Amino acid sequence: MNWKIDAVRLGRIAPLGPAGVPSGIDKQPATGPVALTGTGLEGDEHGDTRHHGGTEKAVHLYPQDHYADWRSELPGLAERFVAGGFGENLVVGGITEADVCIGDLFRAGSALVELSQGRQPCWRLNLRFGLGDMARRVQDSGRTGWYFRVIEPGEIAAGADLALVRRPHPSWTLARVHRLLYRETLDLEALAEFALLPSLSPSWQELARRRLERRSVESWDRRVTTPE
């Protein structure tokens, strides 16, 4: 399977929302090849390095096909639902959470990247779109996008291929992961299998283990609710 990278986008830290929260979500198209290292694309910045960026979230892809759905559902914000709206690094069409799996290995330009986890939407999306429940809407929709870790550094540019190299966990599409995390939240058998996926990010392995141990679901409020 092979897709085309329509754009590579980079963001500098800038104030976001009325309180001027530092954020790199406003990413602009790169004009040429961009170096990709183990921690992300050269020149890409994050306002909250605890929850964004790093080795497990080095590159973010948000499916371009989702923007039409958002424009249809929220026509008053249609002008905001364009490529780059969700702060993605890679703009790619024809691919969604139903088409990719945890651990998928891709050749992206000259780099090699591995799908580590889906995106857990946070309250910065509320500020980005000026809608108080946008993060929760994204979570409920399943249109979250995902992150890659870097296996081999290289360069990525607009027009490069995103080519699937290996799929070690074909039964674990991100669409299935979404159902487990947000709908069938205490499917203990599935959680036990999920927690042991070697390609899964450590933070999501820990999330699954906590649910198994506590037989309860963690609160999402702090992540999706804009601080006062």
Protein backbone atom coordinates (compact mmCIF):
# COMPACT_ATOMS: atom_id res chain seq x y z
CA MET A 1 0.00 0.00 0.00
CA ASN A 2 1.25 3.39 -0.98
CA TRP A 3 0.10 6.97 -0.41
CA LYS A 4 1.42 10.39 -1.37
CA ILE A 5 2.54 13.01 1.16
CA ASP A 6 0.88 16.18 -0.08
CA ALA A 7 2.63 18.51 2.38
CA VAL A 8 5.04 18.55 5.31
CA ARG A 9 4.12 21.14 7.93
CA LEU A 10 6.15 22.70 10.75
CA GLY A 11 5.11 24.90 13.65
CA ARG A 12 6.86 27.49 15.80
CA ILE A 13 5.69 28.19 19.33
CA ALA A 14 3.13 31.00 19.39
CA PRO A 15 0.34 32.15 21.74
CA LEU A 16 -2.92 30.21 21.41
CA GLY A 17 -6.33 31.32 22.70
CA PRO A 18 -7.31 34.23 24.96
CA ALA A 19 -4.74 33.30 27.62
CA GLY A 20 -1.90 33.00 25.10
CA VAL A 21 -1.07 29.36 25.84
CA PRO A 22 2.27 28.45 24.18
CA SER A 23 1.59 26.08 21.28
CA GLY A 24 3.12 24.89 18.03
CA ILE A 25 -0.21 23.76 16.56
CA ASP A 26 -0.24 26.42 13.82
CA LYS A 27 1.98 24.54 11.38
CA GLN A 28 2.91 25.93 7.97
CA PRO A 29 3.99 24.04 4.82
CA ALA A 30 7.72 23.43 4.43
CA THR A 31 9.17 24.62 1.15
CA GLY A 32 11.62 21.77 0.65
CA PRO A 33 12.94 18.56 2.18
CA VAL A 34 12.89 18.47 5.99
CA ALA A 35 15.24 16.39 8.13
CA LEU A 36 13.53 13.90 10.43
CA THR A 37 15.39 12.82 13.57
CA GLY A 38 14.40 10.53 16.41
CA THR A 39 12.47 13.30 18.14
CA GLY A 40 10.75 14.91 15.18
CA LEU A 41 11.05 17.14 12.15
CA GLU A 42 13.76 19.78 12.19
CA GLY A 43 12.21 23.18 12.92
CA ASP A 44 8.99 21.80 14.43
CA GLU A 45 8.25 23.06 17.96
CA HIS A 46 5.89 22.09 20.79
CA GLY A 47 4.57 24.33 23.53
CA ASP A 48 3.95 21.40 25.89
CA THR A 49 6.80 18.92 25.57
CA ARG A 50 5.39 16.73 28.32
CA HIS A 51 2.38 15.72 26.23
CA HIS A 52 3.48 16.52 22.67
CA GLY A 53 6.48 15.53 20.60
CA GLY A 54 9.25 13.24 21.80
CA THR A 55 10.27 9.83 20.52
CA GLU A 56 6.79 8.23 20.66
CA LYS A 57 5.07 11.23 19.06
CA ALA A 58 7.78 12.37 16.70
CA VAL A 59 5.50 12.89 13.68
CA HIS A 60 1.76 13.52 13.56
CA LEU A 61 -0.50 12.59 10.64
CA TYR A 62 -4.10 13.76 10.49
CA PRO A 63 -6.09 12.24 7.60
CA GLN A 64 -6.94 14.87 5.03
CA ASP A 65 -10.16 13.01 4.20
CA HIS A 66 -11.63 13.92 7.61
CA TYR A 67 -11.82 17.63 6.85
CA ALA A 68 -14.87 17.23 4.60
CA ASP A 69 -16.74 15.52 7.45
CA TRP A 70 -15.87 18.35 9.85
CA ARG A 71 -16.97 21.00 7.35
CA SER A 72 -20.27 19.17 6.91
CA GLU A 73 -20.86 18.81 10.67
CA LEU A 74 -19.69 22.30 11.63
CA PRO A 75 -20.37 24.53 8.59
CA GLY A 76 -19.92 27.69 10.64
CA LEU A 77 -16.25 26.77 11.08
CA ALA A 78 -15.73 25.41 7.57
CA GLU A 79 -12.88 27.80 6.75
CA ARG A 80 -10.85 26.32 9.62
CA PHE A 81 -11.19 22.73 8.48
CA VAL A 82 -8.43 22.70 5.90
CA ALA A 83 -5.05 20.97 5.72
CA GLY A 84 -3.02 21.85 8.79
CA GLY A 85 -6.08 22.60 10.89
CA PHE A 86 -5.30 19.91 13.42
CA GLY A 87 -1.61 20.74 13.65
CA GLU A 88 -0.49 17.74 11.62
CA ASN A 89 3.04 17.35 10.28
CA LEU A 90 2.04 15.18 7.33
CA VAL A 91 -0.86 15.93 5.01
CA VAL A 92 -2.00 12.70 3.37
CA GLY A 93 -5.24 11.82 1.57
CA GLY A 94 -6.92 8.47 1.05
CA ILE A 95 -5.91 7.04 4.41
CA THR A 96 -7.83 6.91 7.71
CA GLU A 97 -7.74 5.11 11.06
CA ALA A 98 -9.48 2.14 9.43
CA ASP A 99 -6.52 1.69 7.06
CA VAL A 100 -3.62 1.60 9.54
CA CYS A 101 -2.61 -0.57 12.48
CA ILE A 102 -0.48 -0.27 15.58
CA GLY A 103 3.10 -1.12 14.61
CA ASP A 104 2.70 -0.41 10.90
CA LEU A 105 6.12 0.38 9.45
CA PHE A 106 6.23 2.98 6.69
CA ARG A 107 8.89 4.37 4.40
CA ALA A 108 8.24 8.13 4.45
CA GLY A 109 10.60 9.78 2.00
CA SER A 110 14.00 8.41 2.98
CA ALA A 111 12.97 7.91 6.63
CA LEU A 112 11.45 4.82 8.23
CA VAL A 113 8.63 5.44 10.72
CA GLU A 114 6.43 3.19 12.85
CA LEU A 115 2.88 3.86 14.03
CA SER A 116 3.10 4.06 17.84
CA GLN A 117 -0.35 5.28 18.95
CA GLY A 118 -3.38 7.30 18.03
CA ARG A 119 -3.80 10.91 19.06
CA GLN A 120 -5.62 11.61 22.30
CA PRO A 121 -7.23 15.00 21.64
CA CYS A 122 -6.62 17.64 24.29
CA TRP A 123 -8.15 20.99 25.19
CA ARG A 124 -5.81 22.92 22.92
CA LEU A 125 -8.14 21.89 20.10
CA ASN A 126 -10.91 23.79 21.91
CA LEU A 127 -8.78 26.92 21.65
CA ARG A 128 -7.67 26.19 18.11
CA PHE A 129 -11.24 26.03 16.80
CA GLY A 130 -12.89 28.34 19.31
CA LEU A 131 -15.28 25.58 20.36
CA GLY A 132 -15.40 24.53 23.99
CA ASP A 133 -16.06 20.85 23.33
CA MET A 134 -13.95 20.33 20.22
CA ALA A 135 -11.53 17.90 21.88
CA ARG A 136 -14.42 15.75 23.04
CA ARG A 137 -16.01 15.90 19.59
CA VAL A 138 -12.78 14.64 18.04
CA GLN A 139 -12.51 11.84 20.59
CA ASP A 140 -16.12 10.77 20.08
CA SER A 141 -15.82 10.86 16.29
CA GLY A 142 -12.80 8.56 16.09
CA ARG A 143 -11.24 11.02 13.65
CA THR A 144 -8.16 11.54 15.78
CA GLY A 145 -5.13 10.93 13.57
CA TRP A 146 -2.00 9.24 14.86
CA TYR A 147 1.69 9.44 15.70
CA PHE A 148 4.84 7.83 14.37
CA ARG A 149 8.10 7.04 16.09
CA VAL A 150 11.25 7.21 13.97
CA ILE A 151 13.08 3.96 13.23
CA GLU A 152 15.51 5.39 10.67
CA PRO A 153 16.12 9.16 10.35
CA GLY A 154 15.95 10.68 6.89
CA GLU A 155 14.30 13.44 4.90
CA ILE A 156 10.66 14.01 4.01
CA ALA A 157 9.27 16.41 1.44
CA ALA A 158 5.95 17.13 -0.25
CA GLY A 159 5.40 14.64 -3.06
CA ALA A 160 7.26 11.82 -1.32
CA ASP A 161 5.69 8.41 -0.90
CA LEU A 162 4.29 7.01 2.33
CA ALA A 163 4.70 3.30 1.67
CA LEU A 164 3.71 0.44 3.98
CA VAL A 165 6.70 -1.83 4.58
CA ARG A 166 5.47 -4.19 7.30
CA ARG A 167 2.28 -4.85 9.28
CA PRO A 168 2.97 -6.96 12.39
CA HIS A 169 -0.46 -6.48 14.04
CA PRO A 170 -3.11 -6.58 11.28
CA SER A 171 -5.97 -7.16 13.72
CA TRP A 172 -5.23 -3.93 15.60
CA THR A 173 -6.43 -1.14 13.34
CA LEU A 174 -6.67 2.29 14.93
CA ALA A 175 -10.42 2.10 14.39
CA ARG A 176 -10.48 -0.98 16.66
CA VAL A 177 -8.21 0.75 19.17
CA HIS A 178 -10.63 3.68 19.30
CA ARG A 179 -13.56 1.37 20.04
CA LEU A 180 -11.60 -0.22 22.86
CA LEU A 181 -10.41 3.01 24.44
CA TYR A 182 -13.62 5.03 24.20
CA ARG A 183 -16.59 2.69 23.70
CA GLU A 184 -15.94 -0.90 24.77
CA THR A 185 -13.77 0.50 27.53
CA LEU A 186 -13.64 -2.49 29.87
CA ASP A 187 -13.28 -5.35 27.40
CA LEU A 188 -10.72 -7.05 29.64
CA GLU A 189 -9.67 -9.70 27.15
CA ALA A 190 -8.98 -7.09 24.46
CA LEU A 191 -7.21 -4.81 26.94
CA ALA A 192 -4.90 -7.66 27.99
CA GLU A 193 -3.96 -8.31 24.36
CA PHE A 194 -3.60 -4.61 23.63
CA ALA A 195 -1.27 -4.03 26.59
CA LEU A 196 1.16 -6.64 25.28
CA LEU A 197 1.55 -5.24 21.76
CA PRO A 198 5.32 -4.69 21.47
CA SER A 199 4.90 -1.83 18.99
CA LEU A 200 2.49 0.11 21.18
CA SER A 201 3.78 3.25 22.90
CA PRO A 202 4.71 2.70 26.59
CA SER A 203 2.14 5.26 27.76
CA TRP A 204 -0.70 3.37 26.08
CA GLN A 205 0.59 0.05 27.39
CA GLU A 206 0.44 1.58 30.87
CA LEU A 207 -3.06 2.95 30.23
CA ALA A 208 -4.30 -0.55 29.34
CA ARG A 209 -2.58 -2.09 32.36
CA ARG A 210 -4.18 0.45 34.72
CA ARG A 211 -7.64 -0.34 33.40
CA LEU A 212 -7.00 -4.05 33.86
CA GLU A 213 -5.76 -3.58 37.41
CA ARG A 214 -8.45 -1.13 38.54
CA ARG A 215 -11.37 -2.42 36.45
CA SER A 216 -12.29 1.19 35.80
CA VAL A 217 -11.75 3.87 33.14
CA GLU A 218 -9.50 6.84 33.73
CA SER A 219 -11.05 10.33 33.77
CA TRP A 220 -10.80 12.23 30.49
CA ASP A 221 -11.92 15.57 31.91
CA ARG A 222 -8.51 17.07 32.59
CA ARG A 223 -7.38 16.31 29.04
CA VAL A 224 -10.45 17.53 27.12
CA THR A 225 -11.65 20.41 29.32
CA THR A 226 -10.03 23.82 28.83
CA PRO A 227 -8.45 25.04 32.10
CA GLU A 228 -10.11 28.08 33.61
